[in-house]
Amino acid sequence: MTDYWSIPALENVYLEDSWVLSISAQPGSLVLAVDVVLREQHPVYRTPAAEEQYCYRRGILRFDGVSTLSWAEQGAPPAVDATGQPDFGSFDKFEVEGARYRLSGDFGLIVLEADPPTLELTE
C-alpha cells in the first residue's frame, strides 16, 4: 500500500478531515466534490479564519480511466453541514495499491481501478 499523499495531486492535502459533498460515478470516471483541507505546504494555503480549524478549499477530486468500480455500503442520506450544504462525511481511509484505490467513509466503500486522481480547486 502507498500513502495517498504520494500521489502528486494529493501531496499537500489532508483527506481525513476533508468533506465529501457529492459523488458521481459514470462510465470511465468517478467525480467527488470535496471541501478539502490544504496543508501549509500547498501553494494556495492560507491561515484559517478564527472559526475554522483548517484551511478548506472547495474542489473536484476526479478519477478518469476507470476500468472497474464497486460501491458498497452506500445509501445513508447525507448530513447537513454548518453552511446548510449536504455532506457525506470525511474520508476514513484512502488506500492506494498501484492503480487500485480504496476509499471509505460515511459514503460507503468505493474500490476502483483507474488513472491517478486529479484535484482541481474550484474556490
Protein backbone atom coordinates (compact mmCIF):
# COMPACT_ATOMS: atom_id res chain seq x y z
CA MET A 1 0.00 0.00 0.00
CA THR A 2 1.10 3.51 -0.77
CA ASP A 3 0.02 6.62 1.14
CA TYR A 4 -2.34 8.91 -0.79
CA TRP A 5 -0.04 11.90 -0.30
CA SER A 6 2.49 10.15 -2.56
CA ILE A 7 0.10 10.95 -5.45
CA PRO A 8 1.23 14.32 -6.90
CA ALA A 9 -2.30 15.83 -6.88
CA LEU A 10 -2.76 14.93 -3.20
CA GLU A 11 0.68 15.54 -1.73
CA ASN A 12 -0.29 18.72 0.14
CA VAL A 13 -3.81 17.87 1.31
CA TYR A 14 -5.21 16.14 4.38
CA LEU A 15 -8.13 13.94 3.38
CA GLU A 16 -9.03 12.59 6.82
CA ASP A 17 -10.65 15.93 7.74
CA SER A 18 -11.84 16.79 4.23
CA TRP A 19 -15.57 16.56 3.49
CA VAL A 20 -17.23 14.71 0.61
CA LEU A 21 -20.08 16.85 -0.74
CA SER A 22 -21.22 14.72 -3.67
CA ILE A 23 -20.22 11.65 -5.64
CA SER A 24 -20.89 10.95 -9.31
CA ALA A 25 -19.95 7.64 -10.93
CA GLN A 26 -20.17 7.49 -14.73
CA PRO A 27 -18.69 5.00 -17.18
CA GLY A 28 -14.94 5.66 -17.13
CA SER A 29 -14.92 8.26 -14.33
CA LEU A 30 -15.60 8.94 -10.67
CA VAL A 31 -16.01 12.54 -9.50
CA LEU A 32 -16.17 13.66 -5.87
CA ALA A 33 -16.95 17.26 -4.93
CA VAL A 34 -15.00 17.96 -1.74
CA ASP A 35 -14.15 20.58 0.84
CA VAL A 36 -10.50 19.63 1.04
CA VAL A 37 -8.04 20.52 3.80
CA LEU A 38 -4.88 22.13 2.43
CA ARG A 39 -1.60 21.61 4.28
CA GLU A 40 0.69 24.57 4.90
CA GLN A 41 2.95 23.46 2.02
CA HIS A 42 0.13 23.81 -0.54
CA PRO A 43 0.69 26.79 -2.88
CA VAL A 44 -2.71 28.38 -2.10
CA TYR A 45 -2.77 27.63 1.62
CA ARG A 46 -3.97 30.48 3.80
CA THR A 47 -4.19 30.80 7.56
CA PRO A 48 -7.61 29.51 8.66
CA ALA A 49 -10.16 32.07 9.82
CA ALA A 50 -10.87 32.19 13.56
CA GLU A 51 -13.91 29.93 13.21
CA GLU A 52 -12.07 27.37 11.03
CA GLN A 53 -9.91 24.50 12.20
CA TYR A 54 -8.13 24.12 8.85
CA CYS A 55 -7.67 25.83 5.52
CA TYR A 56 -10.56 24.40 3.48
CA ARG A 57 -11.00 24.84 -0.26
CA ARG A 58 -13.79 23.54 -2.46
CA GLY A 59 -12.58 21.20 -5.17
CA ILE A 60 -13.19 18.30 -7.51
CA LEU A 61 -11.37 15.01 -6.95
CA ARG A 62 -11.55 13.17 -10.27
CA PHE A 63 -10.61 9.65 -11.29
CA ASP A 64 -10.50 9.10 -15.06
CA GLY A 65 -9.68 5.90 -16.90
CA VAL A 66 -11.83 3.90 -14.50
CA SER A 67 -11.80 0.25 -15.58
CA THR A 68 -13.53 -1.26 -12.52
CA LEU A 69 -15.61 0.28 -9.77
CA SER A 70 -17.63 -1.10 -6.91
CA TRP A 71 -19.51 0.97 -4.36
CA ALA A 72 -20.78 -0.87 -1.30
CA GLU A 73 -22.43 0.29 1.90
CA GLN A 74 -23.93 3.30 0.17
CA GLY A 75 -27.39 4.60 0.81
CA ALA A 76 -27.04 6.63 4.00
CA PRO A 77 -28.59 10.07 3.49
CA PRO A 78 -26.14 12.95 3.63
CA ALA A 79 -25.77 15.07 6.74
CA VAL A 80 -26.24 18.83 6.51
CA ASP A 81 -23.15 20.85 7.39
CA ALA A 82 -22.95 24.19 9.19
CA THR A 83 -23.46 26.09 5.91
CA GLY A 84 -26.63 24.14 5.07
CA GLN A 85 -24.91 22.07 2.38
CA PRO A 86 -25.32 18.28 2.28
CA ASP A 87 -22.19 16.27 3.01
CA PHE A 88 -21.32 12.59 3.04
CA GLY A 89 -18.73 12.79 5.81
CA SER A 90 -14.99 12.62 5.63
CA PHE A 91 -12.58 10.04 4.26
CA ASP A 92 -11.93 7.35 6.86
CA LYS A 93 -9.46 5.66 4.51
CA PHE A 94 -7.87 6.39 1.17
CA GLU A 95 -5.63 3.49 0.25
CA VAL A 96 -3.55 3.10 -2.90
CA GLU A 97 -2.05 -0.05 -4.38
CA GLY A 98 -0.78 0.52 -7.90
CA ALA A 99 -3.79 1.58 -9.98
CA ARG A 100 -6.25 0.30 -7.34
CA TYR A 101 -7.87 2.78 -4.94
CA ARG A 102 -9.95 2.04 -1.85
CA LEU A 103 -11.94 4.94 -0.38
CA SER A 104 -14.18 4.60 2.65
CA GLY A 105 -16.22 6.84 4.90
CA ASP A 106 -19.85 7.60 5.70
CA PHE A 107 -20.45 7.50 1.92
CA GLY A 108 -19.64 3.77 1.88
CA LEU A 109 -16.75 1.80 0.42
CA ILE A 110 -15.58 2.57 -3.11
CA VAL A 111 -12.98 0.33 -4.71
CA LEU A 112 -11.79 1.21 -8.19
CA GLU A 113 -9.01 0.78 -10.70
CA ALA A 114 -8.21 4.00 -12.53
CA ASP A 115 -5.62 6.52 -13.59
CA PRO A 116 -4.14 8.56 -10.72
CA PRO A 117 -6.64 11.09 -9.41
CA THR A 118 -6.52 14.80 -10.09
CA LEU A 119 -7.66 17.56 -7.76
CA GLU A 120 -8.99 20.82 -9.16
CA LEU A 121 -9.66 23.61 -6.66
CA THR A 122 -12.80 25.50 -7.64
CA GLU A 123 -12.89 28.18 -4.92
